[in-house]
Amino acid sequence: MSNRPERPKTPTYIFFYILFSQDTWRILAGFIISILFTPKIVPPDLSMAGRVMLHVMILAIGWAITGKPAKWITTKLKKFFLGNRTQ
């Protein structure tokens, strides 16, 4: 537990919290990877449920492999927006 007072949850705070979160960038990258690569590997006779499951699996793989790039992105964004200030 921290002795710091609770920050108010303003729209700006929520926006930057999401922007600086590594998971935001990992999910976005997984989504893009899924959109780009799933149509190339889906068999033509696969049902809609199978296609959805394949998209979800590729999204999860994309999320898993983008840990380092997401950390790099959030580090650069924090440096750009916050400069030398740390929390």
PDB file of N, CA and C in Angstrom:
ATOM      1  N   MET A   1       0.820  -1.173   0.000  1.00  0.00           N
ATOM      2  CA  MET A   1       0.000   0.000   0.000  1.00  0.00           C
ATOM      3  C   MET A   1       0.874   1.250   0.000  1.00  0.00           C
ATOM      4  N   SER A   2       0.426   2.209  -0.701  1.00  0.00           N
ATOM      5  CA  SER A   2       1.180   3.445  -0.840  1.00  0.00           C
ATOM      6  C   SER A   2       0.559   4.535   0.033  1.00  0.00           C
ATOM      7  N   ASN A   3       1.392   5.458   0.473  1.00  0.00           N
ATOM      8  CA  ASN A   3       0.917   6.594   1.252  1.00  0.00           C
ATOM      9  C   ASN A   3       0.437   7.737   0.372  1.00  0.00           C
ATOM     10  N   ARG A   4       0.621   7.576  -0.960  1.00  0.00           N
ATOM     11  CA  ARG A   4       0.194   8.625  -1.875  1.00  0.00           C
ATOM     12  C   ARG A   4      -1.317   8.672  -1.953  1.00  0.00           C
ATOM     13  N   PRO A   5      -1.874   9.882  -2.087  1.00  0.00           N
ATOM     14  CA  PRO A   5      -3.342   9.979  -2.200  1.00  0.00           C
ATOM     15  C   PRO A   5      -3.818   9.376  -3.523  1.00  0.00           C
ATOM     16  N   GLU A   6      -5.039   8.897  -3.522  1.00  0.00           N
ATOM     17  CA  GLU A   6      -5.653   8.315  -4.717  1.00  0.00           C
ATOM     18  C   GLU A   6      -5.831   9.393  -5.783  1.00  0.00           C
ATOM     19  N   ARG A   7      -5.436   9.072  -7.017  1.00  0.00           N
ATOM     20  CA  ARG A   7      -5.607  10.021  -8.116  1.00  0.00           C
ATOM     21  C   ARG A   7      -7.047   9.992  -8.597  1.00  0.00           C
ATOM     22  N   PRO A   8      -7.592  11.141  -8.969  1.00  0.00           N
ATOM     23  CA  PRO A   8      -8.957  11.137  -9.519  1.00  0.00           C
ATOM     24  C   PRO A   8      -8.959  10.468 -10.898  1.00  0.00           C
ATOM     25  N   LYS A   9      -9.988   9.716 -11.158  1.00  0.00           N
ATOM     26  CA  LYS A   9     -10.098   8.983 -12.423  1.00  0.00           C
ATOM     27  C   LYS A   9     -10.769   9.849 -13.477  1.00  0.00           C
ATOM     28  N   THR A  10     -10.028  10.789 -14.023  1.00  0.00           N
ATOM     29  CA  THR A  10     -10.540  11.680 -15.056  1.00  0.00           C
ATOM     30  C   THR A  10     -10.384  11.020 -16.420  1.00  0.00           C
ATOM     31  N   PRO A  11     -11.086  11.492 -17.447  1.00  0.00           N
ATOM     32  CA  PRO A  11     -10.912  10.934 -18.787  1.00  0.00           C
ATOM     33  C   PRO A  11      -9.455  11.015 -19.275  1.00  0.00           C
ATOM     34  N   THR A  12      -8.755  12.084 -18.946  1.00  0.00           N
ATOM     35  CA  THR A  12      -7.351  12.217 -19.343  1.00  0.00           C
ATOM     36  C   THR A  12      -6.496  11.167 -18.667  1.00  0.00           C
ATOM     37  N   TYR A  13      -6.727  10.929 -17.384  1.00  0.00           N
ATOM     38  CA  TYR A  13      -5.981   9.911 -16.646  1.00  0.00           C
ATOM     39  C   TYR A  13      -6.206   8.530 -17.269  1.00  0.00           C
ATOM     40  N   ILE A  14      -7.458   8.215 -17.569  1.00  0.00           N
ATOM     41  CA  ILE A  14      -7.790   6.918 -18.159  1.00  0.00           C
ATOM     42  C   ILE A  14      -7.158   6.779 -19.538  1.00  0.00           C
ATOM     43  N   PHE A  15      -7.191   7.842 -20.351  1.00  0.00           N
ATOM     44  CA  PHE A  15      -6.587   7.809 -21.677  1.00  0.00           C
ATOM     45  C   PHE A  15      -5.099   7.492 -21.601  1.00  0.00           C
ATOM     46  N   PHE A  16      -4.367   8.207 -20.728  1.00  0.00           N
ATOM     47  CA  PHE A  16      -2.926   7.971 -20.635  1.00  0.00           C
ATOM     48  C   PHE A  16      -2.607   6.644 -19.967  1.00  0.00           C
ATOM     49  N   TYR A  17      -3.459   6.193 -19.065  1.00  0.00           N
ATOM     50  CA  TYR A  17      -3.260   4.878 -18.463  1.00  0.00           C
ATOM     51  C   TYR A  17      -3.335   3.802 -19.548  1.00  0.00           C
ATOM     52  N   ILE A  18      -4.330   3.904 -20.417  1.00  0.00           N
ATOM     53  CA  ILE A  18      -4.469   2.949 -21.513  1.00  0.00           C
ATOM     54  C   ILE A  18      -3.312   3.095 -22.500  1.00  0.00           C
ATOM     55  N   LEU A  19      -2.930   4.324 -22.817  1.00  0.00           N
ATOM     56  CA  LEU A  19      -1.840   4.574 -23.762  1.00  0.00           C
ATOM     57  C   LEU A  19      -0.513   4.005 -23.267  1.00  0.00           C
ATOM     58  N   PHE A  20      -0.252   4.111 -21.960  1.00  0.00           N
ATOM     59  CA  PHE A  20       1.019   3.650 -21.403  1.00  0.00           C
ATOM     60  C   PHE A  20       1.006   2.179 -20.988  1.00  0.00           C
ATOM     61  N   SER A  21      -0.102   1.495 -21.179  1.00  0.00           N
ATOM     62  CA  SER A  21      -0.189   0.088 -20.803  1.00  0.00           C
ATOM     63  C   SER A  21       0.406  -0.791 -21.900  1.00  0.00           C
ATOM     64  N   GLN A  22       1.277  -1.711 -21.507  1.00  0.00           N
ATOM     65  CA  GLN A  22       1.856  -2.628 -22.488  1.00  0.00           C
ATOM     66  C   GLN A  22       0.794  -3.546 -23.078  1.00  0.00           C
ATOM     67  N   ASP A  23      -0.190  -3.918 -22.289  1.00  0.00           N
ATOM     68  CA  ASP A  23      -1.233  -4.818 -22.793  1.00  0.00           C
ATOM     69  C   ASP A  23      -2.049  -4.186 -23.911  1.00  0.00           C
ATOM     70  N   THR A  24      -2.231  -2.878 -23.875  1.00  0.00           N
ATOM     71  CA  THR A  24      -2.941  -2.200 -24.959  1.00  0.00           C
ATOM     72  C   THR A  24      -2.245  -2.452 -26.288  1.00  0.00           C
ATOM     73  N   TRP A  25      -0.943  -2.273 -26.301  1.00  0.00           N
ATOM     74  CA  TRP A  25      -0.170  -2.443 -27.528  1.00  0.00           C
ATOM     75  C   TRP A  25      -0.071  -3.903 -27.928  1.00  0.00           C
ATOM     76  N   ARG A  26      -0.012  -4.808 -26.955  1.00  0.00           N
ATOM     77  CA  ARG A  26       0.039  -6.233 -27.267  1.00  0.00           C
ATOM     78  C   ARG A  26      -1.278  -6.700 -27.876  1.00  0.00           C
ATOM     79  N   ILE A  27      -2.399  -6.238 -27.319  1.00  0.00           N
ATOM     80  CA  ILE A  27      -3.700  -6.620 -27.866  1.00  0.00           C
ATOM     81  C   ILE A  27      -3.875  -6.038 -29.265  1.00  0.00           C
ATOM     82  N   LEU A  28      -3.493  -4.788 -29.444  1.00  0.00           N
ATOM     83  CA  LEU A  28      -3.592  -4.161 -30.769  1.00  0.00           C
ATOM     84  C   LEU A  28      -2.737  -4.909 -31.798  1.00  0.00           C
ATOM     85  N   ALA A  29      -1.516  -5.257 -31.429  1.00  0.00           N
ATOM     86  CA  ALA A  29      -0.647  -6.004 -32.345  1.00  0.00           C
ATOM     87  C   ALA A  29      -1.230  -7.379 -32.641  1.00  0.00           C
ATOM     88  N   GLY A  30      -1.749  -8.058 -31.634  1.00  0.00           N
ATOM     89  CA  GLY A  30      -2.368  -9.358 -31.855  1.00  0.00           C
ATOM     90  C   GLY A  30      -3.568  -9.264 -32.778  1.00  0.00           C
ATOM     91  N   PHE A  31      -4.364  -8.219 -32.601  1.00  0.00           N
ATOM     92  CA  PHE A  31      -5.522  -8.008 -33.459  1.00  0.00           C
ATOM     93  C   PHE A  31      -5.088  -7.781 -34.909  1.00  0.00           C
ATOM     94  N   ILE A  32      -4.075  -6.955 -35.110  1.00  0.00           N
ATOM     95  CA  ILE A  32      -3.584  -6.682 -36.472  1.00  0.00           C
ATOM     96  C   ILE A  32      -3.005  -7.938 -37.097  1.00  0.00           C
ATOM     97  N   ILE A  33      -2.223  -8.695 -36.327  1.00  0.00           N
ATOM     98  CA  ILE A  33      -1.651  -9.943 -36.839  1.00  0.00           C
ATOM     99  C   ILE A  33      -2.761 -10.912 -37.225  1.00  0.00           C
ATOM    100  N   SER A  34      -3.795 -10.996 -36.397  1.00  0.00           N
ATOM    101  CA  SER A  34      -4.921 -11.881 -36.685  1.00  0.00           C
ATOM    102  C   SER A  34      -5.646 -11.474 -37.964  1.00  0.00           C
ATOM    103  N   ILE A  35      -5.871 -10.188 -38.132  1.00  0.00           N
ATOM    104  CA  ILE A  35      -6.555  -9.695 -39.331  1.00  0.00           C
ATOM    105  C   ILE A  35      -5.731  -9.971 -40.590  1.00  0.00           C
ATOM    106  N   LEU A  36      -4.400  -9.826 -40.476  1.00  0.00           N
ATOM    107  CA  LEU A  36      -3.545 -10.004 -41.650  1.00  0.00           C
ATOM    108  C   LEU A  36      -3.305 -11.462 -42.015  1.00  0.00           C
ATOM    109  N   PHE A  37      -3.094 -12.322 -41.019  1.00  0.00           N
ATOM    110  CA  PHE A  37      -2.623 -13.672 -41.314  1.00  0.00           C
ATOM    111  C   PHE A  37      -3.696 -14.753 -41.313  1.00  0.00           C
ATOM    112  N   THR A  38      -4.773 -14.582 -40.578  1.00  0.00           N
ATOM    113  CA  THR A  38      -5.795 -15.630 -40.524  1.00  0.00           C
ATOM    114  C   THR A  38      -6.426 -15.906 -41.887  1.00  0.00           C
ATOM    115  N   PRO A  39      -6.774 -14.895 -42.685  1.00  0.00           N
ATOM    116  CA  PRO A  39      -7.351 -15.214 -43.999  1.00  0.00           C
ATOM    117  C   PRO A  39      -6.418 -16.032 -44.905  1.00  0.00           C
ATOM    118  N   LYS A  40      -5.119 -15.952 -44.670  1.00  0.00           N
ATOM    119  CA  LYS A  40      -4.166 -16.693 -45.510  1.00  0.00           C
ATOM    120  C   LYS A  40      -4.113 -18.176 -45.144  1.00  0.00           C
ATOM    121  N   ILE A  41      -4.514 -18.527 -43.907  1.00  0.00           N
ATOM    122  CA  ILE A  41      -4.373 -19.918 -43.480  1.00  0.00           C
ATOM    123  C   ILE A  41      -5.705 -20.630 -43.246  1.00  0.00           C
ATOM    124  N   VAL A  42      -6.822 -19.934 -43.371  1.00  0.00           N
ATOM    125  CA  VAL A  42      -8.116 -20.555 -43.097  1.00  0.00           C
ATOM    126  C   VAL A  42      -8.527 -21.463 -44.258  1.00  0.00           C
ATOM    127  N   PRO A  43      -8.900 -22.722 -43.954  1.00  0.00           N
ATOM    128  CA  PRO A  43      -9.395 -23.612 -45.016  1.00  0.00           C
ATOM    129  C   PRO A  43     -10.771 -23.134 -45.512  1.00  0.00           C
ATOM    130  N   PRO A  44     -11.076 -23.319 -46.775  1.00  0.00           N
ATOM    131  CA  PRO A  44     -12.336 -22.814 -47.315  1.00  0.00           C
ATOM    132  C   PRO A  44     -13.582 -23.482 -46.717  1.00  0.00           C
ATOM    133  N   ASP A  45     -13.476 -24.708 -46.231  1.00  0.00           N
ATOM    134  CA  ASP A  45     -14.646 -25.411 -45.708  1.00  0.00           C
ATOM    135  C   ASP A  45     -14.827 -25.249 -44.196  1.00  0.00           C
ATOM    136  N   LEU A  46     -14.108 -24.330 -43.577  1.00  0.00           N
ATOM    137  CA  LEU A  46     -14.193 -24.121 -42.130  1.00  0.00           C
ATOM    138  C   LEU A  46     -15.454 -23.337 -41.781  1.00  0.00           C
ATOM    139  N   SER A  47     -16.145 -23.777 -40.742  1.00  0.00           N
ATOM    140  CA  SER A  47     -17.386 -23.106 -40.332  1.00  0.00           C
ATOM    141  C   SER A  47     -17.070 -21.729 -39.735  1.00  0.00           C
ATOM    142  N   MET A  48     -18.121 -20.932 -39.506  1.00  0.00           N
ATOM    143  CA  MET A  48     -17.946 -19.596 -38.931  1.00  0.00           C
ATOM    144  C   MET A  48     -17.359 -19.698 -37.519  1.00  0.00           C
ATOM    145  N   ALA A  49     -17.823 -20.657 -36.741  1.00  0.00           N
ATOM    146  CA  ALA A  49     -17.277 -20.841 -35.391  1.00  0.00           C
ATOM    147  C   ALA A  49     -15.785 -21.190 -35.457  1.00  0.00           C
ATOM    148  N   GLY A  50     -15.423 -22.010 -36.419  1.00  0.00           N
ATOM    149  CA  GLY A  50     -14.014 -22.363 -36.597  1.00  0.00           C
ATOM    150  C   GLY A  50     -13.178 -21.163 -37.010  1.00  0.00           C
ATOM    151  N   ARG A  51     -13.726 -20.332 -37.874  1.00  0.00           N
ATOM    152  CA  ARG A  51     -13.010 -19.120 -38.286  1.00  0.00           C
ATOM    153  C   ARG A  51     -12.798 -18.172 -37.108  1.00  0.00           C
ATOM    154  N   VAL A  52     -13.831 -18.012 -36.293  1.00  0.00           N
ATOM    155  CA  VAL A  52     -13.715 -17.142 -35.117  1.00  0.00           C
ATOM    156  C   VAL A  52     -12.653 -17.691 -34.168  1.00  0.00           C
ATOM    157  N   MET A  53     -12.694 -19.010 -33.931  1.00  0.00           N
ATOM    158  CA  MET A  53     -11.706 -19.625 -33.044  1.00  0.00           C
ATOM    159  C   MET A  53     -10.289 -19.462 -33.604  1.00  0.00           C
ATOM    160  N   LEU A  54     -10.129 -19.595 -34.898  1.00  0.00           N
ATOM    161  CA  LEU A  54      -8.812 -19.413 -35.514  1.00  0.00           C
ATOM    162  C   LEU A  54      -8.331 -17.977 -35.339  1.00  0.00           C
ATOM    163  N   HIS A  55      -9.223 -16.998 -35.501  1.00  0.00           N
ATOM    164  CA  HIS A  55      -8.867 -15.597 -35.274  1.00  0.00           C
ATOM    165  C   HIS A  55      -8.417 -15.376 -33.829  1.00  0.00           C
ATOM    166  N   VAL A  56      -9.163 -15.949 -32.883  1.00  0.00           N
ATOM    167  CA  VAL A  56      -8.818 -15.789 -31.471  1.00  0.00           C
ATOM    168  C   VAL A  56      -7.462 -16.436 -31.169  1.00  0.00           C
ATOM    169  N   MET A  57      -7.210 -17.602 -31.730  1.00  0.00           N
ATOM    170  CA  MET A  57      -5.920 -18.272 -31.492  1.00  0.00           C
ATOM    171  C   MET A  57      -4.756 -17.470 -32.071  1.00  0.00           C
ATOM    172  N   ILE A  58      -4.902 -16.954 -33.275  1.00  0.00           N
ATOM    173  CA  ILE A  58      -3.843 -16.146 -33.884  1.00  0.00           C
ATOM    174  C   ILE A  58      -3.659 -14.845 -33.107  1.00  0.00           C
ATOM    175  N   LEU A  59      -4.757 -14.247 -32.630  1.00  0.00           N
ATOM    176  CA  LEU A  59      -4.661 -13.040 -31.808  1.00  0.00           C
ATOM    177  C   LEU A  59      -3.863 -13.337 -30.540  1.00  0.00           C
ATOM    178  N   ALA A  60      -4.123 -14.475 -29.899  1.00  0.00           N
ATOM    179  CA  ALA A  60      -3.394 -14.841 -28.682  1.00  0.00           C
ATOM    180  C   ALA A  60      -1.912 -15.069 -28.968  1.00  0.00           C
ATOM    181  N   ILE A  61      -1.605 -15.689 -30.080  1.00  0.00           N
ATOM    182  CA  ILE A  61      -0.204 -15.888 -30.455  1.00  0.00           C
ATOM    183  C   ILE A  61       0.452 -14.534 -30.719  1.00  0.00           C
ATOM    184  N   GLY A  62      -0.241 -13.644 -31.422  1.00  0.00           N
ATOM    185  CA  GLY A  62       0.285 -12.296 -31.666  1.00  0.00           C
ATOM    186  C   GLY A  62       0.512 -11.536 -30.378  1.00  0.00           C
ATOM    187  N   TRP A  63      -0.420 -11.673 -29.428  1.00  0.00           N
ATOM    188  CA  TRP A  63      -0.258 -11.028 -28.119  1.00  0.00           C
ATOM    189  C   TRP A  63       0.972 -11.572 -27.411  1.00  0.00           C
ATOM    190  N   ALA A  64       1.168 -12.881 -27.480  1.00  0.00           N
ATOM    191  CA  ALA A  64       2.270 -13.519 -26.760  1.00  0.00           C
ATOM    192  C   ALA A  64       3.641 -13.120 -27.308  1.00  0.00           C
ATOM    193  N   ILE A  65       3.743 -12.937 -28.605  1.00  0.00           N
ATOM    194  CA  ILE A  65       5.066 -12.666 -29.186  1.00  0.00           C
ATOM    195  C   ILE A  65       5.421 -11.182 -29.232  1.00  0.00           C
ATOM    196  N   THR A  66       4.519 -10.310 -28.825  1.00  0.00           N
ATOM    197  CA  THR A  66       4.799  -8.874 -28.930  1.00  0.00           C
ATOM    198  C   THR A  66       5.112  -8.221 -27.588  1.00  0.00           C
ATOM    199  N   GLY A  67       5.622  -8.983 -26.635  1.00  0.00           N
ATOM    200  CA  GLY A  67       5.960  -8.422 -25.329  1.00  0.00           C
ATOM    201  C   GLY A  67       7.068  -7.384 -25.396  1.00  0.00           C
ATOM    202  N   LYS A  68       8.168  -7.726 -26.046  1.00  0.00           N
ATOM    203  CA  LYS A  68       9.311  -6.799 -26.146  1.00  0.00           C
ATOM    204  C   LYS A  68       8.975  -5.544 -26.948  1.00  0.00           C
ATOM    205  N   PRO A  69       8.334  -5.675 -28.127  1.00  0.00           N
ATOM    206  CA  PRO A  69       7.961  -4.451 -28.849  1.00  0.00           C
ATOM    207  C   PRO A  69       7.001  -3.563 -28.057  1.00  0.00           C
ATOM    208  N   ALA A  70       6.077  -4.158 -27.320  1.00  0.00           N
ATOM    209  CA  ALA A  70       5.135  -3.362 -26.521  1.00  0.00           C
ATOM    210  C   ALA A  70       5.869  -2.613 -25.413  1.00  0.00           C
ATOM    211  N   LYS A  71       6.837  -3.258 -24.788  1.00  0.00           N
ATOM    212  CA  LYS A  71       7.620  -2.594 -23.743  1.00  0.00           C
ATOM    213  C   LYS A  71       8.404  -1.428 -24.341  1.00  0.00           C
ATOM    214  N   TRP A  72       8.966  -1.633 -25.528  1.00  0.00           N
ATOM    215  CA  TRP A  72       9.716  -0.571 -26.196  1.00  0.00           C
ATOM    216  C   TRP A  72       8.800   0.608 -26.522  1.00  0.00           C
ATOM    217  N   ILE A  73       7.606   0.312 -27.050  1.00  0.00           N
ATOM    218  CA  ILE A  73       6.659   1.376 -27.404  1.00  0.00           C
ATOM    219  C   ILE A  73       6.263   2.182 -26.170  1.00  0.00           C
ATOM    220  N   THR A  74       5.908   1.505 -25.080  1.00  0.00           N
ATOM    221  CA  THR A  74       5.475   2.228 -23.885  1.00  0.00           C
ATOM    222  C   THR A  74       6.613   3.020 -23.262  1.00  0.00           C
ATOM    223  N   THR A  75       7.825   2.490 -23.316  1.00  0.00           N
ATOM    224  CA  THR A  75       8.978   3.238 -22.801  1.00  0.00           C
ATOM    225  C   THR A  75       9.187   4.525 -23.594  1.00  0.00           C
ATOM    226  N   LYS A  76       9.127   4.434 -24.913  1.00  0.00           N
ATOM    227  CA  LYS A  76       9.291   5.622 -25.765  1.00  0.00           C
ATOM    228  C   LYS A  76       8.164   6.637 -25.544  1.00  0.00           C
ATOM    229  N   LEU A  77       6.925   6.146 -25.421  1.00  0.00           N
ATOM    230  CA  LEU A  77       5.803   7.059 -25.188  1.00  0.00           C
ATOM    231  C   LEU A  77       5.924   7.769 -23.838  1.00  0.00           C
ATOM    232  N   LYS A  78       6.321   7.031 -22.810  1.00  0.00           N
ATOM    233  CA  LYS A  78       6.502   7.644 -21.493  1.00  0.00           C
ATOM    234  C   LYS A  78       7.599   8.693 -21.537  1.00  0.00           C
ATOM    235  N   LYS A  79       8.688   8.373 -22.233  1.00  0.00           N
ATOM    236  CA  LYS A  79       9.785   9.331 -22.342  1.00  0.00           C
ATOM    237  C   LYS A  79       9.345  10.576 -23.111  1.00  0.00           C
ATOM    238  N   PHE A  80       8.530  10.384 -24.155  1.00  0.00           N
ATOM    239  CA  PHE A  80       8.059  11.495 -24.965  1.00  0.00           C
ATOM    240  C   PHE A  80       7.104  12.395 -24.169  1.00  0.00           C
ATOM    241  N   PHE A  81       6.120  11.785 -23.509  1.00  0.00           N
ATOM    242  CA  PHE A  81       5.107  12.559 -22.804  1.00  0.00           C
ATOM    243  C   PHE A  81       5.548  13.031 -21.422  1.00  0.00           C
ATOM    244  N   LEU A  82       6.289  12.212 -20.710  1.00  0.00           N
ATOM    245  CA  LEU A  82       6.637  12.538 -19.337  1.00  0.00           C
ATOM    246  C   LEU A  82       8.051  13.074 -19.169  1.00  0.00           C
ATOM    247  N   GLY A  83       8.903  12.857 -20.136  1.00  0.00           N
ATOM    248  CA  GLY A  83      10.280  13.316 -20.021  1.00  0.00           C
ATOM    249  C   GLY A  83      10.996  12.577 -18.903  1.00  0.00           C
ATOM    250  N   ASN A  84      11.602  13.310 -17.986  1.00  0.00           N
ATOM    251  CA  ASN A  84      12.344  12.702 -16.892  1.00  0.00           C
ATOM    252  C   ASN A  84      11.471  12.424 -15.677  1.00  0.00           C
ATOM    253  N   ARG A  85      10.211  12.814 -15.714  1.00  0.00           N
ATOM    254  CA  ARG A  85       9.335  12.549 -14.575  1.00  0.00           C
ATOM    255  C   ARG A  85       9.032  11.064 -14.507  1.00  0.00           C
ATOM    256  N   THR A  86       9.109  10.510 -13.339  1.00  0.00           N
ATOM    257  CA  THR A  86       8.749   9.104 -13.143  1.00  0.00           C
ATOM    258  C   THR A  86       7.708   9.014 -12.049  1.00  0.00           C
ATOM    259  N   GLN A  87       7.029   7.910 -12.040  1.00  0.00           N
ATOM    260  CA  GLN A  87       5.994   7.727 -11.013  1.00  0.00           C
ATOM    261  C   GLN A  87       6.314   6.547 -10.170  1.00  0.00           C
TER     262      GLN A  87
END
